[in-house]
Structure formats: structure tokens, C-alpha cells
Amino acid sequence: MNNFAFPLIRGAALALLAAGLGACSNSLLPTSMAPVVPATVSLEQAELKLEQVRTQRAATEARYANSEVTCYERFFVNDCLDEAREYRRVTLSYLNAVEDEAKHFQRKASADARDVAVAESVRAAEAEEARMAANPAPVRVEAPPKVKAPSKKPTLEARKAAQAAKLARIAQEEKAAVPERAANAEAFAQKRIDSEKRQRKVEEKKAASAKKAEKAAQDAAAAAQPKEVKISK
């Protein structure tokens, strides 16, 4: 199915998104058929977007399940199911785009906050080291100098290495999320296959019922025909 099939259903899906996500921000409304999500500007906005996505995704799945039941009661089952699937696909596509953008903002904000904290810690440590170097403790002449114990503070190089390890871990977490998204896509495809199987069963039952009704009508017509009576001469 191409991306421009069932424009009325696509428009209805986008209208639903506008109504459901409007409380989050007017900038959430897509400006074209493809999912286009404006950038999140705060953690509060990101959390609100994710809450709205969860609500709308549950509503979309419930609507699709109800549409399947309704479609099987109609004459044009295929057309009805195609429209329901297109509505669901367009809606979930946009919701996924909103969710991905909001989560990306949260992860980036968290990483930025850690970077700022580490940088501030490094600056404080360097300032303390400079102060101690500029103002060494006085040495008493009458007493032997005390041996300064090795510093237990991590060195600047160690702190930088720890920060690099944190950033590498964040990148690894981002990479690990890719298989999960692939698994979600595979699960969605399997659901679609199951739905099509159910549709075929309905069509087979309809065909069997029609054939049975036609045979019953033929038998009834045959029984209604007057029988020929032979008269003996």
C-alpha cells in the first residue's frame, strides 16, 4: 500500500492527534503527511509528550480492535479493514515519532547534566590544587618535615577517563535500543498477518454459507415442481 492511500482516513488520524495532543503543544501538529515532530525544549514538555503518547496509543489500539469487529459485520469487509489499518498505521507512526523525539531529548538532557557536573568537579579540583600550590603549608624548622601522604583524590586524567567511560556507556545504551525497536516492528507485522488470516476465514465461512443457501434454494425449487402423472389407457 502506498503512502497516499486512504487520504480521508489519514486526515482523520491526524485530526485525532491534534485533538489528543493539543494540550501538550500546538507545535505537535504535523505539517505534512510524514511524521514531523518539532523539537522539545524542556524536560517537562518531554514528559508531557510521553504521557500523551501513551494515552493516544492505547486509544488507537482500542479503536482498531473495535473496527475489526465492526468491519466483519459489513458487506465490504476488505475496504473497511484497509481503512482501519491505514488509520492505525498513520496514527502510530506519528506517535512513535513524538515518543522517539521526546526520549532522545531526555537522554541528551541527562548526558548534558552529567557533563556539566563533571566539568564543575574538575574545575573545583583544579582550583583547589592551584590554591594549595600557591599557599604551601609552612614548614617548621625545628622539627623534621612531615611526609605528605599520597593523595586519595583521583587525578585529572582518571576523572577524564571516567567521563569518557560514561559517554561510551551512553552510546552503547543507544545502540542496544535498536534491536528492541526491530522486535516491535516484527511483532506488529505478525499481528497484521494474524488479522489477515482471520479475514480469510470469514470470507471462507461466507462462501460456504452462500453455497449452502444456493443448494437449499435449488432443492426447494425442485420439490415445488409438479410431478408428471401417467394415465393408463
C-alpha atoms as a PDB file:
ATOM      1  CA  MET A   1       0.000   0.000   0.000  1.00  0.00           C
ATOM      2  CA  ASN A   2       1.456   3.369  -0.974  1.00  0.00           C
ATOM      3  CA  ASN A   3       1.854   6.296   1.403  1.00  0.00           C
ATOM      4  CA  PHE A   4      -1.046   8.228  -0.120  1.00  0.00           C
ATOM      5  CA  ALA A   5      -3.740   5.535   0.171  1.00  0.00           C
ATOM      6  CA  PHE A   6      -6.952   6.439   2.005  1.00  0.00           C
ATOM      7  CA  PRO A   7      -6.302  10.197   2.416  1.00  0.00           C
ATOM      8  CA  LEU A   8      -9.540  10.695   4.340  1.00  0.00           C
ATOM      9  CA  ILE A   9      -8.524   8.154   6.961  1.00  0.00           C
ATOM     10  CA  ARG A  10      -5.042   9.705   7.190  1.00  0.00           C
ATOM     11  CA  GLY A  11      -6.619  13.107   7.689  1.00  0.00           C
ATOM     12  CA  ALA A  12      -8.902  11.738  10.386  1.00  0.00           C
ATOM     13  CA  ALA A  13      -5.919  10.208  12.169  1.00  0.00           C
ATOM     14  CA  LEU A  14      -4.044  13.477  12.131  1.00  0.00           C
ATOM     15  CA  ALA A  15      -7.153  15.294  13.351  1.00  0.00           C
ATOM     16  CA  LEU A  16      -7.349  12.876  16.280  1.00  0.00           C
ATOM     17  CA  LEU A  17      -3.710  13.527  17.101  1.00  0.00           C
ATOM     18  CA  ALA A  18      -4.352  17.238  17.028  1.00  0.00           C
ATOM     19  CA  ALA A  19      -7.233  16.847  19.472  1.00  0.00           C
ATOM     20  CA  GLY A  20      -5.429  14.441  21.795  1.00  0.00           C
ATOM     21  CA  LEU A  21      -2.008  16.088  21.812  1.00  0.00           C
ATOM     22  CA  GLY A  22      -3.146  19.672  21.538  1.00  0.00           C
ATOM     23  CA  ALA A  23      -2.854  20.142  25.284  1.00  0.00           C
ATOM     24  CA  CYS A  24       0.845  19.414  25.021  1.00  0.00           C
ATOM     25  CA  SER A  25       1.784  21.989  22.423  1.00  0.00           C
ATOM     26  CA  ASN A  26       0.478  23.388  19.168  1.00  0.00           C
ATOM     27  CA  SER A  27       3.856  22.583  17.682  1.00  0.00           C
ATOM     28  CA  LEU A  28       2.986  18.870  17.950  1.00  0.00           C
ATOM     29  CA  LEU A  29       0.650  19.114  14.952  1.00  0.00           C
ATOM     30  CA  PRO A  30       2.301  17.570  11.853  1.00  0.00           C
ATOM     31  CA  THR A  31       2.813  19.923   8.947  1.00  0.00           C
ATOM     32  CA  SER A  32       2.818  17.187   6.271  1.00  0.00           C
ATOM     33  CA  MET A  33       1.813  13.588   5.748  1.00  0.00           C
ATOM     34  CA  ALA A  34       5.181  12.330   7.027  1.00  0.00           C
ATOM     35  CA  PRO A  35       5.730  12.352  10.822  1.00  0.00           C
ATOM     36  CA  VAL A  36       7.442  15.680  11.524  1.00  0.00           C
ATOM     37  CA  VAL A  37       7.899  16.461  15.219  1.00  0.00           C
ATOM     38  CA  PRO A  38       9.098  19.882  16.435  1.00  0.00           C
ATOM     39  CA  ALA A  39      11.994  19.816  18.874  1.00  0.00           C
ATOM     40  CA  THR A  40      11.265  19.514  22.589  1.00  0.00           C
ATOM     41  CA  VAL A  41      12.543  22.457  24.624  1.00  0.00           C
ATOM     42  CA  SER A  42      12.218  21.249  28.231  1.00  0.00           C
ATOM     43  CA  LEU A  43      12.096  18.087  30.327  1.00  0.00           C
ATOM     44  CA  GLU A  44       8.578  18.992  31.450  1.00  0.00           C
ATOM     45  CA  GLN A  45       7.427  19.170  27.847  1.00  0.00           C
ATOM     46  CA  ALA A  46       9.125  15.845  27.048  1.00  0.00           C
ATOM     47  CA  GLU A  47       7.356  14.101  29.933  1.00  0.00           C
ATOM     48  CA  LEU A  48       4.011  15.589  28.905  1.00  0.00           C
ATOM     49  CA  LYS A  49       4.529  14.395  25.324  1.00  0.00           C
ATOM     50  CA  LEU A  50       5.274  10.847  26.503  1.00  0.00           C
ATOM     51  CA  GLU A  51       2.186  10.814  28.717  1.00  0.00           C
ATOM     52  CA  GLN A  52       0.011  11.956  25.813  1.00  0.00           C
ATOM     53  CA  VAL A  53       1.609   9.333  23.521  1.00  0.00           C
ATOM     54  CA  ARG A  54       0.782   6.531  25.978  1.00  0.00           C
ATOM     55  CA  THR A  55      -2.824   7.667  26.208  1.00  0.00           C
ATOM     56  CA  GLN A  56      -3.277   8.070  22.446  1.00  0.00           C
ATOM     57  CA  ARG A  57      -1.548   4.765  21.634  1.00  0.00           C
ATOM     58  CA  ALA A  58      -3.915   2.855  23.938  1.00  0.00           C
ATOM     59  CA  ALA A  59      -6.900   4.649  22.413  1.00  0.00           C
ATOM     60  CA  THR A  60      -5.696   3.854  18.887  1.00  0.00           C
ATOM     61  CA  GLU A  61      -5.264   0.151  19.623  1.00  0.00           C
ATOM     62  CA  ALA A  62      -8.719   0.003  21.239  1.00  0.00           C
ATOM     63  CA  ARG A  63     -10.251   1.772  18.239  1.00  0.00           C
ATOM     64  CA  TYR A  64      -8.578  -0.638  15.811  1.00  0.00           C
ATOM     65  CA  ALA A  65      -9.781  -3.703  17.740  1.00  0.00           C
ATOM     66  CA  ASN A  66     -13.324  -2.330  17.714  1.00  0.00           C
ATOM     67  CA  SER A  67     -13.053  -1.523  13.993  1.00  0.00           C
ATOM     68  CA  GLU A  68     -12.098  -5.116  13.177  1.00  0.00           C
ATOM     69  CA  VAL A  69     -15.244  -6.407  14.894  1.00  0.00           C
ATOM     70  CA  THR A  70     -17.403  -3.805  13.135  1.00  0.00           C
ATOM     71  CA  CYS A  71     -15.864  -4.435   9.707  1.00  0.00           C
ATOM     72  CA  TYR A  72     -16.664  -8.151   9.775  1.00  0.00           C
ATOM     73  CA  GLU A  73     -20.344  -7.227  10.034  1.00  0.00           C
ATOM     74  CA  ARG A  74     -20.255  -5.152   6.844  1.00  0.00           C
ATOM     75  CA  PHE A  75     -20.598  -6.231   3.229  1.00  0.00           C
ATOM     76  CA  PHE A  76     -17.323  -4.627   2.059  1.00  0.00           C
ATOM     77  CA  VAL A  77     -15.123  -6.190   4.747  1.00  0.00           C
ATOM     78  CA  ASN A  78     -11.812  -5.646   2.929  1.00  0.00           C
ATOM     79  CA  ASP A  79     -12.346  -1.931   2.314  1.00  0.00           C
ATOM     80  CA  CYS A  80     -13.403  -1.399   5.907  1.00  0.00           C
ATOM     81  CA  LEU A  81     -10.370  -3.277   7.287  1.00  0.00           C
ATOM     82  CA  ASP A  82      -7.982  -1.460   4.959  1.00  0.00           C
ATOM     83  CA  GLU A  83      -9.244   1.890   6.180  1.00  0.00           C
ATOM     84  CA  ALA A  84      -8.949   0.792   9.827  1.00  0.00           C
ATOM     85  CA  ARG A  85      -5.382  -0.431   9.280  1.00  0.00           C
ATOM     86  CA  GLU A  86      -4.352   2.760   7.487  1.00  0.00           C
ATOM     87  CA  TYR A  87      -5.771   4.901  10.275  1.00  0.00           C
ATOM     88  CA  ARG A  88      -3.875   2.833  12.857  1.00  0.00           C
ATOM     89  CA  ARG A  89      -0.627   2.887  10.848  1.00  0.00           C
ATOM     90  CA  VAL A  90      -0.654   6.661  10.350  1.00  0.00           C
ATOM     91  CA  THR A  91      -1.581   7.347  13.964  1.00  0.00           C
ATOM     92  CA  LEU A  92       1.050   5.021  15.458  1.00  0.00           C
ATOM     93  CA  SER A  93       3.698   6.314  13.064  1.00  0.00           C
ATOM     94  CA  TYR A  94       3.224   9.853  14.305  1.00  0.00           C
ATOM     95  CA  LEU A  95       3.007   8.772  17.954  1.00  0.00           C
ATOM     96  CA  ASN A  96       6.258   6.800  17.596  1.00  0.00           C
ATOM     97  CA  ALA A  97       7.963   9.841  16.108  1.00  0.00           C
ATOM     98  CA  VAL A  98       6.779  12.001  19.026  1.00  0.00           C
ATOM     99  CA  GLU A  99       7.933   9.374  21.530  1.00  0.00           C
ATOM    100  CA  ASP A 100      11.376   8.921  19.955  1.00  0.00           C
ATOM    101  CA  GLU A 101      11.996  12.667  19.852  1.00  0.00           C
ATOM    102  CA  ALA A 102      10.926  13.170  23.479  1.00  0.00           C
ATOM    103  CA  LYS A 103      13.037  10.262  24.763  1.00  0.00           C
ATOM    104  CA  HIS A 104      16.032  11.465  22.776  1.00  0.00           C
ATOM    105  CA  PHE A 105      15.675  14.881  24.423  1.00  0.00           C
ATOM    106  CA  GLN A 106      15.548  13.267  27.876  1.00  0.00           C
ATOM    107  CA  ARG A 107      18.671  11.198  27.231  1.00  0.00           C
ATOM    108  CA  LYS A 108      20.570  14.183  25.852  1.00  0.00           C
ATOM    109  CA  ALA A 109      19.488  16.391  28.771  1.00  0.00           C
ATOM    110  CA  SER A 110      20.674  13.740  31.230  1.00  0.00           C
ATOM    111  CA  ALA A 111      24.034  13.398  29.464  1.00  0.00           C
ATOM    112  CA  ASP A 112      24.459  17.192  29.328  1.00  0.00           C
ATOM    113  CA  ALA A 113      23.735  17.468  33.048  1.00  0.00           C
ATOM    114  CA  ARG A 114      26.371  14.832  33.804  1.00  0.00           C
ATOM    115  CA  ASP A 115      28.882  16.633  31.613  1.00  0.00           C
ATOM    116  CA  VAL A 116      28.244  19.901  33.438  1.00  0.00           C
ATOM    117  CA  ALA A 117      28.613  18.213  36.837  1.00  0.00           C
ATOM    118  CA  VAL A 118      31.882  16.535  35.852  1.00  0.00           C
ATOM    119  CA  ALA A 119      33.263  19.747  34.352  1.00  0.00           C
ATOM    120  CA  GLU A 120      32.379  21.647  37.515  1.00  0.00           C
ATOM    121  CA  SER A 121      34.045  18.981  39.644  1.00  0.00           C
ATOM    122  CA  VAL A 122      37.185  19.176  37.502  1.00  0.00           C
ATOM    123  CA  ARG A 123      37.287  22.970  37.740  1.00  0.00           C
ATOM    124  CA  ALA A 124      36.877  22.843  41.520  1.00  0.00           C
ATOM    125  CA  ALA A 125      39.646  20.279  41.842  1.00  0.00           C
ATOM    126  CA  GLU A 126      41.987  22.298  39.653  1.00  0.00           C
ATOM    127  CA  ALA A 127      41.248  25.481  41.621  1.00  0.00           C
ATOM    128  CA  GLU A 128      41.973  23.680  44.885  1.00  0.00           C
ATOM    129  CA  GLU A 129      45.227  22.293  43.547  1.00  0.00           C
ATOM    130  CA  ALA A 130      46.263  25.769  42.362  1.00  0.00           C
ATOM    131  CA  ARG A 131      45.399  27.283  45.745  1.00  0.00           C
ATOM    132  CA  MET A 132      47.405  24.671  47.605  1.00  0.00           C
ATOM    133  CA  ALA A 133      50.357  25.168  45.250  1.00  0.00           C
ATOM    134  CA  ALA A 134      50.275  28.954  45.762  1.00  0.00           C
ATOM    135  CA  ASN A 135      49.945  28.681  49.539  1.00  0.00           C
ATOM    136  CA  PRO A 136      52.031  25.729  50.733  1.00  0.00           C
ATOM    137  CA  ALA A 137      51.857  24.814  54.369  1.00  0.00           C
ATOM    138  CA  PRO A 138      54.692  26.364  56.400  1.00  0.00           C
ATOM    139  CA  VAL A 139      57.499  24.032  57.369  1.00  0.00           C
ATOM    140  CA  ARG A 140      58.706  24.166  60.947  1.00  0.00           C
ATOM    141  CA  VAL A 141      62.486  24.368  61.032  1.00  0.00           C
ATOM    142  CA  GLU A 142      62.854  22.863  64.455  1.00  0.00           C
ATOM    143  CA  ALA A 143      61.028  19.713  63.508  1.00  0.00           C
ATOM    144  CA  PRO A 144      61.690  17.300  60.699  1.00  0.00           C
ATOM    145  CA  PRO A 145      59.348  17.750  57.777  1.00  0.00           C
ATOM    146  CA  LYS A 146      56.338  15.512  57.702  1.00  0.00           C
ATOM    147  CA  VAL A 147      55.962  13.210  54.814  1.00  0.00           C
ATOM    148  CA  LYS A 148      52.783  14.064  52.975  1.00  0.00           C
ATOM    149  CA  ALA A 149      50.570  11.070  52.497  1.00  0.00           C
ATOM    150  CA  PRO A 150      49.695  10.190  48.936  1.00  0.00           C
ATOM    151  CA  SER A 151      46.578  11.990  47.799  1.00  0.00           C
ATOM    152  CA  LYS A 152      43.492   9.810  47.689  1.00  0.00           C
ATOM    153  CA  LYS A 153      41.760  12.099  45.215  1.00  0.00           C
ATOM    154  CA  PRO A 154      41.535  10.777  41.678  1.00  0.00           C
ATOM    155  CA  THR A 155      43.834  12.518  39.268  1.00  0.00           C
ATOM    156  CA  LEU A 156      42.575  14.736  36.487  1.00  0.00           C
ATOM    157  CA  GLU A 157      43.435  12.020  33.983  1.00  0.00           C
ATOM    158  CA  ALA A 158      41.436   9.468  35.986  1.00  0.00           C
ATOM    159  CA  ARG A 159      38.424  11.766  36.093  1.00  0.00           C
ATOM    160  CA  LYS A 160      38.643  12.357  32.353  1.00  0.00           C
ATOM    161  CA  ALA A 161      38.892   8.607  31.758  1.00  0.00           C
ATOM    162  CA  ALA A 162      35.822   8.019  33.935  1.00  0.00           C
ATOM    163  CA  GLN A 163      33.888  10.620  31.964  1.00  0.00           C
ATOM    164  CA  ALA A 164      34.917   9.011  28.680  1.00  0.00           C
ATOM    165  CA  ALA A 165      33.720   5.638  30.014  1.00  0.00           C
ATOM    166  CA  LYS A 166      30.346   7.153  30.928  1.00  0.00           C
ATOM    167  CA  LEU A 167      29.913   8.617  27.460  1.00  0.00           C
ATOM    168  CA  ALA A 168      30.838   5.277  25.897  1.00  0.00           C
ATOM    169  CA  ARG A 169      28.248   3.544  28.068  1.00  0.00           C
ATOM    170  CA  ILE A 170      25.565   6.013  26.968  1.00  0.00           C
ATOM    171  CA  ALA A 171      26.433   5.363  23.323  1.00  0.00           C
ATOM    172  CA  GLN A 172      26.227   1.612  23.954  1.00  0.00           C
ATOM    173  CA  GLU A 173      22.770   2.003  25.512  1.00  0.00           C
ATOM    174  CA  GLU A 174      21.614   3.918  22.442  1.00  0.00           C
ATOM    175  CA  LYS A 175      22.908   1.127  20.208  1.00  0.00           C
ATOM    176  CA  ALA A 176      21.266  -1.553  22.358  1.00  0.00           C
ATOM    177  CA  ALA A 177      17.860   0.091  21.870  1.00  0.00           C
ATOM    178  CA  VAL A 178      17.931  -0.649  18.114  1.00  0.00           C
ATOM    179  CA  PRO A 179      17.103  -4.412  18.396  1.00  0.00           C
ATOM    180  CA  GLU A 180      14.165  -3.622  20.657  1.00  0.00           C
ATOM    181  CA  ARG A 181      12.660  -1.349  18.013  1.00  0.00           C
ATOM    182  CA  ALA A 182      13.225  -4.036  15.394  1.00  0.00           C
ATOM    183  CA  ALA A 183      11.441  -6.562  17.615  1.00  0.00           C
ATOM    184  CA  ASN A 184       8.498  -4.193  17.984  1.00  0.00           C
ATOM    185  CA  ALA A 185       8.276  -3.859  14.201  1.00  0.00           C
ATOM    186  CA  GLU A 186       8.347  -7.648  13.799  1.00  0.00           C
ATOM    187  CA  ALA A 187       5.568  -8.055  16.385  1.00  0.00           C
ATOM    188  CA  PHE A 188       3.449  -5.520  14.529  1.00  0.00           C
ATOM    189  CA  ALA A 189       3.967  -7.422  11.251  1.00  0.00           C
ATOM    190  CA  GLN A 190       2.903 -10.669  12.925  1.00  0.00           C
ATOM    191  CA  LYS A 191      -0.269  -9.027  14.226  1.00  0.00           C
ATOM    192  CA  ARG A 192      -1.070  -7.919  10.718  1.00  0.00           C
ATOM    193  CA  ILE A 193      -0.579 -11.451   9.376  1.00  0.00           C
ATOM    194  CA  ASP A 194      -2.878 -12.849  12.074  1.00  0.00           C
ATOM    195  CA  SER A 195      -5.530 -10.283  11.180  1.00  0.00           C
ATOM    196  CA  GLU A 196      -5.374 -11.244   7.511  1.00  0.00           C
ATOM    197  CA  LYS A 197      -5.753 -14.917   8.433  1.00  0.00           C
ATOM    198  CA  ARG A 198      -8.889 -14.110  10.395  1.00  0.00           C
ATOM    199  CA  GLN A 199     -10.218 -12.197   7.411  1.00  0.00           C
ATOM    200  CA  ARG A 200      -9.667 -15.143   5.094  1.00  0.00           C
ATOM    201  CA  LYS A 201     -11.557 -17.422   7.494  1.00  0.00           C
ATOM    202  CA  VAL A 202     -14.508 -15.033   7.492  1.00  0.00           C
ATOM    203  CA  GLU A 203     -14.524 -14.996   3.683  1.00  0.00           C
ATOM    204  CA  GLU A 204     -14.414 -18.809   3.593  1.00  0.00           C
ATOM    205  CA  LYS A 205     -17.335 -19.051   6.001  1.00  0.00           C
ATOM    206  CA  LYS A 206     -19.342 -16.582   3.918  1.00  0.00           C
ATOM    207  CA  ALA A 207     -18.653 -18.544   0.727  1.00  0.00           C
ATOM    208  CA  ALA A 208     -19.694 -21.825   2.398  1.00  0.00           C
ATOM    209  CA  SER A 209     -22.893 -20.254   3.719  1.00  0.00           C
ATOM    210  CA  ALA A 210     -23.738 -18.820   0.280  1.00  0.00           C
ATOM    211  CA  LYS A 211     -23.158 -22.201  -1.367  1.00  0.00           C
ATOM    212  CA  LYS A 212     -25.323 -23.928   1.210  1.00  0.00           C
ATOM    213  CA  ALA A 213     -28.116 -21.394   0.731  1.00  0.00           C
ATOM    214  CA  GLU A 214     -27.950 -21.776  -3.053  1.00  0.00           C
ATOM    215  CA  LYS A 215     -28.244 -25.565  -2.785  1.00  0.00           C
ATOM    216  CA  ALA A 216     -31.186 -25.261  -0.410  1.00  0.00           C
ATOM    217  CA  ALA A 217     -32.917 -22.938  -2.876  1.00  0.00           C
ATOM    218  CA  GLN A 218     -32.327 -25.380  -5.716  1.00  0.00           C
ATOM    219  CA  ASP A 219     -33.700 -28.278  -3.659  1.00  0.00           C
ATOM    220  CA  ALA A 220     -36.765 -26.248  -2.726  1.00  0.00           C
ATOM    221  CA  ALA A 221     -37.384 -25.310  -6.363  1.00  0.00           C
ATOM    222  CA  ALA A 222     -37.088 -28.917  -7.440  1.00  0.00           C
ATOM    223  CA  ALA A 223     -39.531 -30.042  -4.760  1.00  0.00           C
ATOM    224  CA  ALA A 224     -42.043 -27.385  -5.852  1.00  0.00           C
ATOM    225  CA  GLN A 225     -42.187 -28.660  -9.457  1.00  0.00           C
ATOM    226  CA  PRO A 226     -45.419 -30.700 -10.130  1.00  0.00           C
ATOM    227  CA  LYS A 227     -44.775 -34.356 -10.707  1.00  0.00           C
ATOM    228  CA  GLU A 228     -45.905 -35.862 -14.039  1.00  0.00           C
ATOM    229  CA  VAL A 229     -48.864 -38.221 -13.624  1.00  0.00           C
ATOM    230  CA  LYS A 230     -49.069 -41.091 -16.126  1.00  0.00           C
ATOM    231  CA  ILE A 231     -52.622 -42.128 -17.201  1.00  0.00           C
ATOM    232  CA  SER A 232     -53.088 -45.758 -18.209  1.00  0.00           C
ATOM    233  CA  LYS A 233     -55.029 -46.356 -21.409  1.00  0.00           C
END
